[in-house]
Amino acid sequence: MLNSVIGTSMTTVSFLVCTIASVLLGFITALASTYKNQCSNSVFTTIAILPMIVQVVMMVVNGNIGTGIAVAGAFTLVRFRTILGRARDILFMFTAMGIGMATGTGYLGVAAVLACLVILLNILYTGSKFTKRKPVQRYLRVTIPEDLNYTHVFDEIFAKYTTRCEFQGVKTTNLGSLFRAAWDLDLSDVDQEKDFIDEIRTLNGNLEISCNISKPETEL
């Protein structure tokens, strides 16, 4: 399994076998990258095709002193994704390159083992408790018009965006024409904090809202 299928010289058969292996393993790896992950079509296509491209480059320069330069250049080609891409996309990009390097030197068994290990570990770690987002604690203060019943008006929003919500109190402000209510809560996803506040704004008439990490000492 760990022996090269190319041998001392590359033949048409060995080239076709390695290419087919690159295409299949690339597609399987690209498919695995979509597991519990929003993968764009361009990223999926790149991961699926990249092993074949790297394989051909490795075969063309095999045995030549330019091999190191070619490999370094291949890594440079995906540098733009390492800047803007998500961590998991980058992981599968490098996996695809590793597969291409293995198939390009004829080590199909190594390429298959690499693909299987990355896919299995990705499924394992993605489903583990270590990768689950922890609730983010916030102290919310909302200014409410006097004609709006603050008791249950935000219940649906709290149920949608929080995992815990405790009412802290209410007081009047602006000569009694407004209420200021406060809640201690845990956001289920910090990335949705703006959406959370925007939905509250639609109900409180776009009056003042503050969402702090902790309770201000001088405020309700």
N, C-alpha and C. Protein backbone atom coordinates (compact mmCIF):
# COMPACT_ATOMS: atom_id res chain seq x y z
N MET A 1 0.81 -1.20 0.00
CA MET A 1 0.00 0.00 0.00
C MET A 1 0.85 1.26 0.00
N LEU A 2 2.04 1.17 0.64
CA LEU A 2 2.90 2.34 0.75
C LEU A 2 3.96 2.38 -0.33
N ASN A 3 3.87 1.50 -1.33
CA ASN A 3 4.82 1.50 -2.44
C ASN A 3 4.29 2.36 -3.58
N SER A 4 5.21 2.95 -4.32
CA SER A 4 4.81 3.80 -5.44
C SER A 4 4.41 2.95 -6.63
N VAL A 5 3.33 3.37 -7.32
CA VAL A 5 2.87 2.64 -8.50
C VAL A 5 3.60 3.11 -9.75
N ILE A 6 4.43 4.14 -9.63
CA ILE A 6 5.14 4.68 -10.79
C ILE A 6 6.40 3.90 -11.09
N GLY A 7 7.09 3.48 -10.04
CA GLY A 7 8.32 2.74 -10.25
C GLY A 7 9.45 3.65 -10.72
N THR A 8 10.31 3.10 -11.56
CA THR A 8 11.46 3.88 -12.03
C THR A 8 11.09 4.89 -13.11
N SER A 9 10.02 4.62 -13.83
CA SER A 9 9.61 5.54 -14.89
C SER A 9 8.09 5.59 -14.97
N MET A 10 7.59 6.71 -15.41
CA MET A 10 6.15 6.90 -15.50
C MET A 10 5.63 6.38 -16.83
N THR A 11 4.55 5.61 -16.79
CA THR A 11 3.91 5.11 -17.99
C THR A 11 2.52 5.73 -18.12
N THR A 12 1.92 5.49 -19.26
CA THR A 12 0.57 6.02 -19.49
C THR A 12 -0.42 5.42 -18.52
N VAL A 13 -0.27 4.13 -18.24
CA VAL A 13 -1.17 3.46 -17.31
C VAL A 13 -1.04 4.03 -15.91
N SER A 14 0.21 4.18 -15.45
CA SER A 14 0.43 4.72 -14.10
C SER A 14 -0.09 6.15 -14.00
N PHE A 15 0.08 6.92 -15.06
CA PHE A 15 -0.43 8.30 -15.06
C PHE A 15 -1.95 8.33 -14.94
N LEU A 16 -2.61 7.47 -15.71
CA LEU A 16 -4.07 7.43 -15.66
C LEU A 16 -4.58 6.95 -14.31
N VAL A 17 -3.91 5.95 -13.74
CA VAL A 17 -4.32 5.43 -12.43
C VAL A 17 -4.18 6.52 -11.36
N CYS A 18 -3.07 7.22 -11.38
CA CYS A 18 -2.85 8.29 -10.40
C CYS A 18 -3.84 9.44 -10.60
N THR A 19 -4.15 9.75 -11.85
CA THR A 19 -5.09 10.84 -12.13
C THR A 19 -6.49 10.49 -11.66
N ILE A 20 -6.91 9.24 -11.94
CA ILE A 20 -8.23 8.80 -11.48
C ILE A 20 -8.30 8.84 -9.95
N ALA A 21 -7.23 8.39 -9.30
CA ALA A 21 -7.19 8.42 -7.83
C ALA A 21 -7.28 9.86 -7.32
N SER A 22 -6.59 10.79 -7.98
CA SER A 22 -6.62 12.19 -7.57
C SER A 22 -8.02 12.77 -7.70
N VAL A 23 -8.68 12.46 -8.81
CA VAL A 23 -10.03 12.99 -9.05
C VAL A 23 -11.02 12.44 -8.02
N LEU A 24 -10.96 11.13 -7.77
CA LEU A 24 -11.88 10.50 -6.83
C LEU A 24 -11.66 11.00 -5.40
N LEU A 25 -10.39 10.99 -4.98
CA LEU A 25 -10.09 11.44 -3.61
C LEU A 25 -10.37 12.93 -3.46
N GLY A 26 -10.15 13.70 -4.53
CA GLY A 26 -10.46 15.13 -4.47
C GLY A 26 -11.94 15.37 -4.30
N PHE A 27 -12.75 14.62 -5.04
CA PHE A 27 -14.21 14.78 -4.93
C PHE A 27 -14.69 14.36 -3.55
N ILE A 28 -14.17 13.25 -3.03
CA ILE A 28 -14.58 12.78 -1.70
C ILE A 28 -14.19 13.81 -0.63
N THR A 29 -13.00 14.37 -0.76
CA THR A 29 -12.54 15.38 0.20
C THR A 29 -13.39 16.64 0.12
N ALA A 30 -13.72 17.06 -1.10
CA ALA A 30 -14.58 18.25 -1.28
C ALA A 30 -15.97 17.99 -0.71
N LEU A 31 -16.48 16.78 -0.89
CA LEU A 31 -17.79 16.43 -0.34
C LEU A 31 -17.75 16.45 1.18
N ALA A 32 -16.64 15.97 1.75
CA ALA A 32 -16.51 15.97 3.21
C ALA A 32 -16.40 17.37 3.78
N SER A 33 -15.90 18.31 2.97
CA SER A 33 -15.75 19.68 3.46
C SER A 33 -17.10 20.36 3.67
N THR A 34 -18.17 19.82 3.11
CA THR A 34 -19.50 20.40 3.28
C THR A 34 -20.22 19.88 4.52
N TYR A 35 -19.58 18.97 5.25
CA TYR A 35 -20.22 18.40 6.44
C TYR A 35 -20.37 19.46 7.53
N LYS A 36 -21.61 19.82 7.83
CA LYS A 36 -21.93 20.85 8.82
C LYS A 36 -21.16 22.14 8.57
N ASN A 37 -21.01 22.47 7.29
CA ASN A 37 -20.24 23.65 6.91
C ASN A 37 -20.80 24.21 5.62
N GLN A 38 -20.98 25.53 5.56
CA GLN A 38 -21.45 26.18 4.35
C GLN A 38 -20.27 26.41 3.42
N CYS A 39 -20.21 25.59 2.40
CA CYS A 39 -19.08 25.62 1.47
C CYS A 39 -19.56 26.19 0.14
N SER A 40 -18.90 27.23 -0.36
CA SER A 40 -19.29 27.83 -1.63
C SER A 40 -18.91 26.91 -2.78
N ASN A 41 -19.53 27.15 -3.93
CA ASN A 41 -19.26 26.33 -5.11
C ASN A 41 -17.81 26.46 -5.57
N SER A 42 -17.24 27.66 -5.46
CA SER A 42 -15.86 27.86 -5.88
C SER A 42 -14.88 27.09 -4.99
N VAL A 43 -15.14 27.09 -3.68
CA VAL A 43 -14.27 26.35 -2.76
C VAL A 43 -14.40 24.85 -3.01
N PHE A 44 -15.63 24.38 -3.19
CA PHE A 44 -15.86 22.95 -3.45
C PHE A 44 -15.12 22.52 -4.71
N THR A 45 -15.24 23.30 -5.77
CA THR A 45 -14.60 22.96 -7.04
C THR A 45 -13.08 22.97 -6.91
N THR A 46 -12.55 23.95 -6.19
CA THR A 46 -11.11 24.04 -6.01
C THR A 46 -10.56 22.83 -5.27
N ILE A 47 -11.22 22.44 -4.18
CA ILE A 47 -10.77 21.28 -3.40
C ILE A 47 -10.84 20.01 -4.24
N ALA A 48 -11.88 19.88 -5.08
CA ALA A 48 -12.06 18.67 -5.87
C ALA A 48 -11.02 18.54 -6.98
N ILE A 49 -10.61 19.67 -7.58
CA ILE A 49 -9.71 19.63 -8.73
C ILE A 49 -8.25 19.78 -8.33
N LEU A 50 -7.97 20.42 -7.22
CA LEU A 50 -6.59 20.73 -6.81
C LEU A 50 -5.69 19.50 -6.74
N PRO A 51 -6.14 18.34 -6.20
CA PRO A 51 -5.25 17.17 -6.15
C PRO A 51 -4.72 16.77 -7.53
N MET A 52 -5.56 16.81 -8.55
CA MET A 52 -5.13 16.43 -9.90
C MET A 52 -4.08 17.40 -10.43
N ILE A 53 -4.28 18.71 -10.17
CA ILE A 53 -3.33 19.71 -10.65
C ILE A 53 -1.97 19.53 -9.98
N VAL A 54 -1.98 19.36 -8.66
CA VAL A 54 -0.72 19.17 -7.93
C VAL A 54 -0.05 17.88 -8.36
N GLN A 55 -0.86 16.84 -8.61
CA GLN A 55 -0.31 15.55 -9.06
C GLN A 55 0.45 15.69 -10.37
N VAL A 56 -0.15 16.40 -11.33
CA VAL A 56 0.50 16.58 -12.62
C VAL A 56 1.79 17.38 -12.47
N VAL A 57 1.76 18.43 -11.64
CA VAL A 57 2.97 19.22 -11.40
C VAL A 57 4.07 18.36 -10.81
N MET A 58 3.71 17.52 -9.84
CA MET A 58 4.69 16.66 -9.20
C MET A 58 5.28 15.66 -10.19
N MET A 59 4.43 15.14 -11.08
CA MET A 59 4.92 14.17 -12.07
C MET A 59 5.84 14.83 -13.09
N VAL A 60 5.51 16.04 -13.49
CA VAL A 60 6.31 16.73 -14.50
C VAL A 60 7.71 17.05 -13.98
N VAL A 61 7.80 17.45 -12.72
CA VAL A 61 9.10 17.86 -12.18
C VAL A 61 9.75 16.76 -11.35
N ASN A 62 9.18 15.57 -11.34
CA ASN A 62 9.71 14.47 -10.53
C ASN A 62 11.15 14.16 -10.92
N GLY A 63 12.02 14.07 -9.90
CA GLY A 63 13.42 13.78 -10.15
C GLY A 63 14.24 14.99 -10.57
N ASN A 64 13.59 16.13 -10.61
CA ASN A 64 14.27 17.35 -11.02
C ASN A 64 14.53 18.22 -9.80
N ILE A 65 15.59 19.02 -9.86
CA ILE A 65 15.92 19.89 -8.73
C ILE A 65 14.85 20.97 -8.52
N GLY A 66 14.03 21.19 -9.55
CA GLY A 66 12.98 22.20 -9.43
C GLY A 66 11.76 21.73 -8.67
N THR A 67 11.77 20.50 -8.16
CA THR A 67 10.62 19.98 -7.42
C THR A 67 10.27 20.85 -6.23
N GLY A 68 11.27 21.20 -5.47
CA GLY A 68 11.03 22.03 -4.28
C GLY A 68 10.43 23.37 -4.65
N ILE A 69 10.93 23.98 -5.74
CA ILE A 69 10.41 25.26 -6.17
C ILE A 69 8.96 25.13 -6.62
N ALA A 70 8.65 24.03 -7.33
CA ALA A 70 7.29 23.82 -7.82
C ALA A 70 6.31 23.64 -6.67
N VAL A 71 6.71 22.88 -5.66
CA VAL A 71 5.84 22.66 -4.51
C VAL A 71 5.62 23.96 -3.75
N ALA A 72 6.69 24.73 -3.55
CA ALA A 72 6.55 26.02 -2.88
C ALA A 72 5.64 26.95 -3.66
N GLY A 73 5.77 26.92 -4.98
CA GLY A 73 4.90 27.74 -5.80
C GLY A 73 3.45 27.34 -5.71
N ALA A 74 3.20 26.02 -5.61
CA ALA A 74 1.83 25.53 -5.47
C ALA A 74 1.20 26.02 -4.18
N PHE A 75 1.98 26.02 -3.11
CA PHE A 75 1.46 26.53 -1.85
C PHE A 75 1.19 28.03 -1.94
N THR A 76 2.01 28.74 -2.69
CA THR A 76 1.80 30.18 -2.85
C THR A 76 0.50 30.47 -3.58
N LEU A 77 0.11 29.58 -4.48
CA LEU A 77 -1.10 29.80 -5.27
C LEU A 77 -2.36 29.87 -4.41
N VAL A 78 -2.37 29.19 -3.26
CA VAL A 78 -3.56 29.20 -2.42
C VAL A 78 -3.41 30.16 -1.25
N ARG A 79 -2.40 31.01 -1.29
CA ARG A 79 -2.19 31.93 -0.18
C ARG A 79 -3.35 32.91 -0.05
N PHE A 80 -3.97 33.26 -1.17
CA PHE A 80 -5.08 34.22 -1.10
C PHE A 80 -6.23 33.65 -0.31
N ARG A 81 -6.39 32.34 -0.25
CA ARG A 81 -7.45 31.75 0.54
C ARG A 81 -7.07 31.70 2.01
N THR A 82 -5.78 31.61 2.31
CA THR A 82 -5.39 31.58 3.70
C THR A 82 -5.61 32.93 4.36
N ILE A 83 -5.70 33.98 3.58
CA ILE A 83 -5.95 35.30 4.14
C ILE A 83 -7.43 35.53 4.38
N LEU A 84 -8.26 35.17 3.38
CA LEU A 84 -9.67 35.50 3.45
C LEU A 84 -10.55 34.30 3.78
N GLY A 85 -10.04 33.08 3.61
CA GLY A 85 -10.87 31.90 3.79
C GLY A 85 -11.07 31.53 5.25
N ARG A 86 -12.08 30.68 5.48
CA ARG A 86 -12.30 30.16 6.81
C ARG A 86 -11.32 29.04 7.10
N ALA A 87 -11.11 28.77 8.37
CA ALA A 87 -10.08 27.81 8.78
C ALA A 87 -10.34 26.43 8.18
N ARG A 88 -11.61 26.00 8.16
CA ARG A 88 -11.89 24.66 7.64
C ARG A 88 -11.67 24.58 6.14
N ASP A 89 -11.98 25.66 5.42
CA ASP A 89 -11.70 25.67 3.98
C ASP A 89 -10.20 25.52 3.73
N ILE A 90 -9.40 26.23 4.53
CA ILE A 90 -7.95 26.17 4.38
C ILE A 90 -7.45 24.76 4.69
N LEU A 91 -8.03 24.13 5.72
CA LEU A 91 -7.65 22.76 6.07
C LEU A 91 -7.84 21.82 4.89
N PHE A 92 -8.99 21.88 4.25
CA PHE A 92 -9.26 20.98 3.13
C PHE A 92 -8.46 21.37 1.89
N MET A 93 -8.09 22.64 1.74
CA MET A 93 -7.21 23.04 0.65
C MET A 93 -5.85 22.34 0.79
N PHE A 94 -5.30 22.38 1.99
CA PHE A 94 -4.00 21.75 2.22
C PHE A 94 -4.10 20.23 2.14
N THR A 95 -5.24 19.69 2.56
CA THR A 95 -5.45 18.25 2.42
C THR A 95 -5.45 17.85 0.95
N ALA A 96 -6.14 18.64 0.13
CA ALA A 96 -6.18 18.37 -1.31
C ALA A 96 -4.78 18.43 -1.91
N MET A 97 -3.98 19.39 -1.46
CA MET A 97 -2.61 19.49 -1.96
C MET A 97 -1.77 18.30 -1.52
N GLY A 98 -1.98 17.84 -0.26
CA GLY A 98 -1.27 16.67 0.22
C GLY A 98 -1.62 15.43 -0.58
N ILE A 99 -2.90 15.29 -0.91
CA ILE A 99 -3.34 14.16 -1.74
C ILE A 99 -2.67 14.22 -3.11
N GLY A 100 -2.65 15.41 -3.71
CA GLY A 100 -2.02 15.56 -5.01
C GLY A 100 -0.53 15.25 -4.99
N MET A 101 0.16 15.65 -3.92
CA MET A 101 1.58 15.35 -3.81
C MET A 101 1.82 13.86 -3.66
N ALA A 102 0.94 13.18 -2.90
CA ALA A 102 1.08 11.73 -2.72
C ALA A 102 0.80 10.98 -4.02
N THR A 103 -0.30 11.33 -4.70
CA THR A 103 -0.61 10.65 -5.96
C THR A 103 0.39 11.02 -7.04
N GLY A 104 0.94 12.21 -6.98
CA GLY A 104 1.93 12.63 -7.97
C GLY A 104 3.23 11.87 -7.89
N THR A 105 3.52 11.32 -6.73
CA THR A 105 4.72 10.48 -6.57
C THR A 105 4.38 9.00 -6.56
N GLY A 106 3.09 8.69 -6.81
CA GLY A 106 2.69 7.29 -6.96
C GLY A 106 2.25 6.61 -5.69
N TYR A 107 2.22 7.31 -4.57
CA TYR A 107 1.84 6.70 -3.30
C TYR A 107 0.34 6.84 -3.08
N LEU A 108 -0.41 6.02 -3.81
CA LEU A 108 -1.87 6.10 -3.75
C LEU A 108 -2.40 5.69 -2.38
N GLY A 109 -1.76 4.72 -1.74
CA GLY A 109 -2.19 4.29 -0.41
C GLY A 109 -2.05 5.41 0.61
N VAL A 110 -0.95 6.15 0.51
CA VAL A 110 -0.73 7.29 1.41
C VAL A 110 -1.80 8.35 1.19
N ALA A 111 -2.13 8.61 -0.07
CA ALA A 111 -3.15 9.60 -0.38
C ALA A 111 -4.51 9.19 0.17
N ALA A 112 -4.85 7.91 0.03
CA ALA A 112 -6.13 7.41 0.54
C ALA A 112 -6.19 7.48 2.06
N VAL A 113 -5.09 7.11 2.71
CA VAL A 113 -5.04 7.16 4.18
C VAL A 113 -5.17 8.60 4.67
N LEU A 114 -4.48 9.52 4.00
CA LEU A 114 -4.56 10.94 4.38
C LEU A 114 -5.99 11.45 4.26
N ALA A 115 -6.64 11.15 3.14
CA ALA A 115 -8.01 11.61 2.94
C ALA A 115 -8.95 11.03 4.00
N CYS A 116 -8.82 9.75 4.27
CA CYS A 116 -9.69 9.10 5.26
C CYS A 116 -9.49 9.67 6.65
N LEU A 117 -8.23 9.88 7.02
CA LEU A 117 -7.94 10.40 8.37
C LEU A 117 -8.50 11.81 8.54
N VAL A 118 -8.30 12.67 7.55
CA VAL A 118 -8.80 14.04 7.66
C VAL A 118 -10.32 14.05 7.73
N ILE A 119 -10.97 13.24 6.91
CA ILE A 119 -12.43 13.19 6.91
C ILE A 119 -12.96 12.68 8.24
N LEU A 120 -12.38 11.60 8.75
CA LEU A 120 -12.84 11.03 10.02
C LEU A 120 -12.61 12.00 11.18
N LEU A 121 -11.43 12.63 11.21
CA LEU A 121 -11.14 13.57 12.29
C LEU A 121 -12.04 14.80 12.20
N ASN A 122 -12.34 15.24 10.98
CA ASN A 122 -13.23 16.38 10.81
C ASN A 122 -14.62 16.07 11.36
N ILE A 123 -15.14 14.88 11.04
CA ILE A 123 -16.45 14.47 11.55
C ILE A 123 -16.41 14.35 13.07
N LEU A 124 -15.32 13.78 13.59
CA LEU A 124 -15.20 13.58 15.05
C LEU A 124 -15.15 14.90 15.79
N TYR A 125 -14.29 15.81 15.35
CA TYR A 125 -14.12 17.08 16.05
C TYR A 125 -15.31 18.02 15.85
N THR A 126 -15.93 17.96 14.67
CA THR A 126 -17.08 18.82 14.41
C THR A 126 -18.25 18.45 15.31
N GLY A 127 -18.41 17.17 15.58
CA GLY A 127 -19.51 16.73 16.42
C GLY A 127 -19.19 16.68 17.90
N SER A 128 -17.96 17.03 18.29
CA SER A 128 -17.58 16.96 19.69
C SER A 128 -17.99 18.20 20.45
N LYS A 129 -17.98 18.11 21.76
CA LYS A 129 -18.37 19.23 22.62
C LYS A 129 -17.34 20.36 22.59
N PHE A 130 -16.11 20.05 22.13
CA PHE A 130 -15.07 21.07 22.13
C PHE A 130 -15.33 22.15 21.08
N THR A 131 -16.09 21.82 20.03
CA THR A 131 -16.32 22.78 18.95
C THR A 131 -17.66 23.49 19.06
N LYS A 132 -18.45 23.17 20.07
CA LYS A 132 -19.73 23.83 20.24
C LYS A 132 -19.53 25.22 20.85
N ARG A 133 -20.26 26.16 20.34
CA ARG A 133 -20.13 27.53 20.84
C ARG A 133 -20.73 27.66 22.23
N LYS A 134 -20.00 28.36 23.07
CA LYS A 134 -20.49 28.59 24.42
C LYS A 134 -21.38 29.84 24.44
N PRO A 135 -22.39 29.84 25.30
CA PRO A 135 -23.25 31.02 25.40
C PRO A 135 -22.44 32.26 25.80
N VAL A 136 -22.85 33.41 25.31
CA VAL A 136 -22.16 34.67 25.60
C VAL A 136 -23.06 35.51 26.49
N GLN A 137 -22.56 35.83 27.68
CA GLN A 137 -23.36 36.58 28.65
C GLN A 137 -23.44 38.06 28.26
N ARG A 138 -24.63 38.62 28.36
CA ARG A 138 -24.85 40.03 28.07
C ARG A 138 -25.84 40.62 29.08
N TYR A 139 -25.69 41.92 29.32
CA TYR A 139 -26.63 42.67 30.16
C TYR A 139 -27.34 43.65 29.25
N LEU A 140 -28.63 43.43 29.04
CA LEU A 140 -29.41 44.19 28.07
C LEU A 140 -30.28 45.22 28.75
N ARG A 141 -30.23 46.46 28.27
CA ARG A 141 -31.12 47.52 28.74
C ARG A 141 -31.88 48.09 27.53
N VAL A 142 -33.18 48.16 27.66
CA VAL A 142 -34.02 48.60 26.55
C VAL A 142 -34.92 49.73 27.02
N THR A 143 -34.90 50.85 26.29
CA THR A 143 -35.83 51.94 26.56
C THR A 143 -37.14 51.65 25.82
N ILE A 144 -38.25 51.75 26.55
CA ILE A 144 -39.54 51.31 26.03
C ILE A 144 -40.57 52.43 26.15
N PRO A 145 -41.39 52.67 25.12
CA PRO A 145 -42.46 53.67 25.23
C PRO A 145 -43.45 53.29 26.32
N GLU A 146 -44.09 54.27 26.92
CA GLU A 146 -44.98 54.00 28.04
C GLU A 146 -46.22 53.20 27.65
N ASP A 147 -46.56 53.21 26.34
CA ASP A 147 -47.74 52.47 25.91
C ASP A 147 -47.44 51.04 25.48
N LEU A 148 -46.18 50.60 25.67
CA LEU A 148 -45.78 49.24 25.28
C LEU A 148 -45.58 48.39 26.53
N ASN A 149 -46.28 47.26 26.59
CA ASN A 149 -46.16 46.36 27.73
C ASN A 149 -44.86 45.57 27.63
N TYR A 150 -43.88 45.91 28.45
CA TYR A 150 -42.55 45.30 28.37
C TYR A 150 -42.49 43.89 28.94
N THR A 151 -43.53 43.44 29.62
CA THR A 151 -43.48 42.17 30.34
C THR A 151 -43.21 40.99 29.42
N HIS A 152 -43.96 40.90 28.31
CA HIS A 152 -43.81 39.74 27.43
C HIS A 152 -43.59 40.13 25.97
N VAL A 153 -43.38 41.41 25.68
CA VAL A 153 -43.30 41.86 24.30
C VAL A 153 -42.08 41.30 23.57
N PHE A 154 -40.99 41.01 24.31
CA PHE A 154 -39.77 40.52 23.69
C PHE A 154 -39.59 39.01 23.84
N ASP A 155 -40.59 38.30 24.33
CA ASP A 155 -40.43 36.88 24.64
C ASP A 155 -40.01 36.05 23.43
N GLU A 156 -40.61 36.30 22.28
CA GLU A 156 -40.28 35.53 21.08
C GLU A 156 -38.84 35.78 20.64
N ILE A 157 -38.39 37.02 20.75
CA ILE A 157 -37.01 37.35 20.38
C ILE A 157 -36.03 36.70 21.34
N PHE A 158 -36.34 36.75 22.63
CA PHE A 158 -35.46 36.10 23.61
C PHE A 158 -35.39 34.59 23.37
N ALA A 159 -36.51 33.99 23.03
CA ALA A 159 -36.53 32.54 22.78
C ALA A 159 -35.70 32.18 21.55
N LYS A 160 -35.64 33.10 20.60
CA LYS A 160 -34.94 32.85 19.34
C LYS A 160 -33.43 33.02 19.47
N TYR A 161 -32.99 34.01 20.27
CA TYR A 161 -31.58 34.36 20.28
C TYR A 161 -30.85 34.05 21.60
N THR A 162 -31.54 33.66 22.64
CA THR A 162 -30.89 33.45 23.93
C THR A 162 -31.13 32.04 24.46
N THR A 163 -30.23 31.61 25.32
CA THR A 163 -30.41 30.33 26.01
C THR A 163 -30.83 30.54 27.46
N ARG A 164 -30.65 31.74 27.97
CA ARG A 164 -31.07 32.09 29.34
C ARG A 164 -31.42 33.56 29.36
N CYS A 165 -32.50 33.90 30.03
CA CYS A 165 -32.93 35.30 30.10
C CYS A 165 -33.62 35.55 31.45
N GLU A 166 -33.05 36.46 32.23
CA GLU A 166 -33.60 36.78 33.55
C GLU A 166 -33.90 38.28 33.63
N PHE A 167 -35.14 38.58 33.94
CA PHE A 167 -35.57 39.99 34.08
C PHE A 167 -34.94 40.58 35.34
N GLN A 168 -34.30 41.76 35.20
CA GLN A 168 -33.59 42.38 36.31
C GLN A 168 -34.35 43.53 36.95
N GLY A 169 -35.25 44.15 36.22
CA GLY A 169 -36.01 45.26 36.80
C GLY A 169 -36.35 46.30 35.76
N VAL A 170 -37.10 47.31 36.20
CA VAL A 170 -37.53 48.37 35.30
C VAL A 170 -37.64 49.67 36.09
N LYS A 171 -37.40 50.77 35.41
CA LYS A 171 -37.57 52.08 36.04
C LYS A 171 -38.04 53.07 34.99
N THR A 172 -38.66 54.15 35.46
CA THR A 172 -39.14 55.18 34.54
C THR A 172 -38.03 56.17 34.26
N THR A 173 -38.10 56.80 33.12
CA THR A 173 -37.12 57.81 32.74
C THR A 173 -37.80 58.88 31.89
N ASN A 174 -37.10 59.96 31.64
CA ASN A 174 -37.63 61.07 30.83
C ASN A 174 -38.96 61.57 31.40
N LEU A 175 -38.94 61.87 32.71
CA LEU A 175 -40.11 62.40 33.41
C LEU A 175 -41.30 61.44 33.36
N GLY A 176 -40.99 60.14 33.36
CA GLY A 176 -42.04 59.14 33.41
C GLY A 176 -42.67 58.78 32.09
N SER A 177 -42.18 59.35 30.99
CA SER A 177 -42.78 59.07 29.69
C SER A 177 -42.21 57.82 29.03
N LEU A 178 -41.11 57.32 29.59
CA LEU A 178 -40.47 56.13 29.05
C LEU A 178 -40.12 55.17 30.18
N PHE A 179 -39.99 53.88 29.83
CA PHE A 179 -39.49 52.87 30.77
C PHE A 179 -38.11 52.42 30.31
N ARG A 180 -37.30 52.00 31.28
CA ARG A 180 -36.02 51.38 30.96
C ARG A 180 -35.97 50.04 31.69
N ALA A 181 -36.08 48.96 30.92
CA ALA A 181 -36.10 47.61 31.48
C ALA A 181 -34.74 46.95 31.23
N ALA A 182 -34.39 46.01 32.09
CA ALA A 182 -33.08 45.35 31.99
C ALA A 182 -33.23 43.85 32.14
N TRP A 183 -32.41 43.12 31.38
CA TRP A 183 -32.37 41.66 31.44
C TRP A 183 -30.92 41.19 31.48
N ASP A 184 -30.70 40.13 32.24
CA ASP A 184 -29.41 39.44 32.23
C ASP A 184 -29.61 38.17 31.40
N LEU A 185 -28.85 38.00 30.32
CA LEU A 185 -29.12 36.90 29.41
C LEU A 185 -27.85 36.30 28.81
N ASP A 186 -28.00 35.14 28.18
CA ASP A 186 -26.93 34.47 27.46
C ASP A 186 -27.32 34.36 26.00
N LEU A 187 -26.53 34.96 25.12
CA LEU A 187 -26.78 34.84 23.69
C LEU A 187 -26.34 33.46 23.22
N SER A 188 -27.15 32.84 22.40
CA SER A 188 -26.79 31.51 21.89
C SER A 188 -25.70 31.60 20.83
N ASP A 189 -25.60 32.72 20.12
CA ASP A 189 -24.59 32.89 19.08
C ASP A 189 -24.20 34.36 19.02
N VAL A 190 -22.96 34.67 19.35
CA VAL A 190 -22.51 36.07 19.39
C VAL A 190 -22.56 36.71 18.00
N ASP A 191 -22.46 35.91 16.95
CA ASP A 191 -22.50 36.45 15.59
C ASP A 191 -23.88 37.00 15.24
N GLN A 192 -24.90 36.64 16.01
CA GLN A 192 -26.25 37.11 15.76
C GLN A 192 -26.66 38.25 16.68
N GLU A 193 -25.71 38.83 17.36
CA GLU A 193 -26.02 39.90 18.31
C GLU A 193 -26.67 41.10 17.62
N LYS A 194 -26.17 41.48 16.46
CA LYS A 194 -26.76 42.61 15.74
C LYS A 194 -28.19 42.31 15.31
N ASP A 195 -28.43 41.09 14.81
CA ASP A 195 -29.79 40.71 14.42
C ASP A 195 -30.73 40.75 15.63
N PHE A 196 -30.19 40.32 16.76
CA PHE A 196 -30.95 40.32 18.01
C PHE A 196 -31.38 41.75 18.37
N ILE A 197 -30.44 42.68 18.32
CA ILE A 197 -30.74 44.07 18.66
C ILE A 197 -31.67 44.70 17.62
N ASP A 198 -31.46 44.38 16.36
CA ASP A 198 -32.31 44.95 15.30
C ASP A 198 -33.78 44.55 15.48
N GLU A 199 -34.02 43.32 15.89
CA GLU A 199 -35.40 42.88 16.09
C GLU A 199 -36.04 43.56 17.30
N ILE A 200 -35.23 43.83 18.31
CA ILE A 200 -35.76 44.56 19.46
C ILE A 200 -36.09 46.00 19.07
N ARG A 201 -35.27 46.59 18.21
CA ARG A 201 -35.50 47.97 17.76
C ARG A 201 -36.83 48.12 17.04
N THR A 202 -37.22 47.09 16.33
CA THR A 202 -38.49 47.18 15.60
C THR A 202 -39.68 47.20 16.54
N LEU A 203 -39.49 46.74 17.77
CA LEU A 203 -40.60 46.71 18.73
C LEU A 203 -40.60 47.88 19.70
N ASN A 204 -39.42 48.43 19.98
CA ASN A 204 -39.38 49.52 20.96
C ASN A 204 -39.35 50.90 20.31
N GLY A 205 -39.68 50.96 19.01
CA GLY A 205 -39.73 52.24 18.33
C GLY A 205 -38.37 52.86 18.08
N ASN A 206 -37.35 52.03 17.99
CA ASN A 206 -35.98 52.49 17.70
C ASN A 206 -35.44 53.42 18.79
N LEU A 207 -35.89 53.21 20.01
CA LEU A 207 -35.34 53.96 21.14
C LEU A 207 -34.03 53.33 21.60
N GLU A 208 -33.42 53.95 22.59
CA GLU A 208 -32.08 53.54 23.02
C GLU A 208 -32.05 52.09 23.52
N ILE A 209 -31.01 51.36 23.08
CA ILE A 209 -30.75 49.99 23.53
C ILE A 209 -29.26 49.88 23.86
N SER A 210 -28.94 49.23 24.95
CA SER A 210 -27.54 48.96 25.26
C SER A 210 -27.40 47.48 25.59
N CYS A 211 -26.31 46.89 25.08
CA CYS A 211 -26.05 45.46 25.32
C CYS A 211 -24.61 45.34 25.76
N ASN A 212 -24.40 45.19 27.08
CA ASN A 212 -23.07 45.22 27.66
C ASN A 212 -22.61 43.84 28.10
N ILE A 213 -21.29 43.71 28.24
CA ILE A 213 -20.73 42.45 28.71
C ILE A 213 -21.11 42.18 30.15
N SER A 214 -21.15 43.22 30.96
CA SER A 214 -21.52 43.07 32.36
C SER A 214 -22.41 44.23 32.78
N LYS A 215 -23.02 44.13 33.92
CA LYS A 215 -23.92 45.16 34.41
C LYS A 215 -23.15 46.39 34.85
N PRO A 216 -23.46 47.57 34.28
CA PRO A 216 -22.81 48.79 34.73
C PRO A 216 -23.14 49.06 36.20
N GLU A 217 -22.15 49.53 36.95
CA GLU A 217 -22.32 49.70 38.39
C GLU A 217 -23.35 50.78 38.73
N THR A 218 -23.46 51.80 37.88
CA THR A 218 -24.34 52.92 38.20
C THR A 218 -25.68 52.85 37.50
N GLU A 219 -25.95 51.75 36.79
CA GLU A 219 -27.18 51.64 36.03
C GLU A 219 -28.02 50.48 36.54
N LEU A 220 -29.26 50.49 36.11
CA LEU A 220 -30.20 49.42 36.46
C LEU A 220 -29.72 48.10 35.88
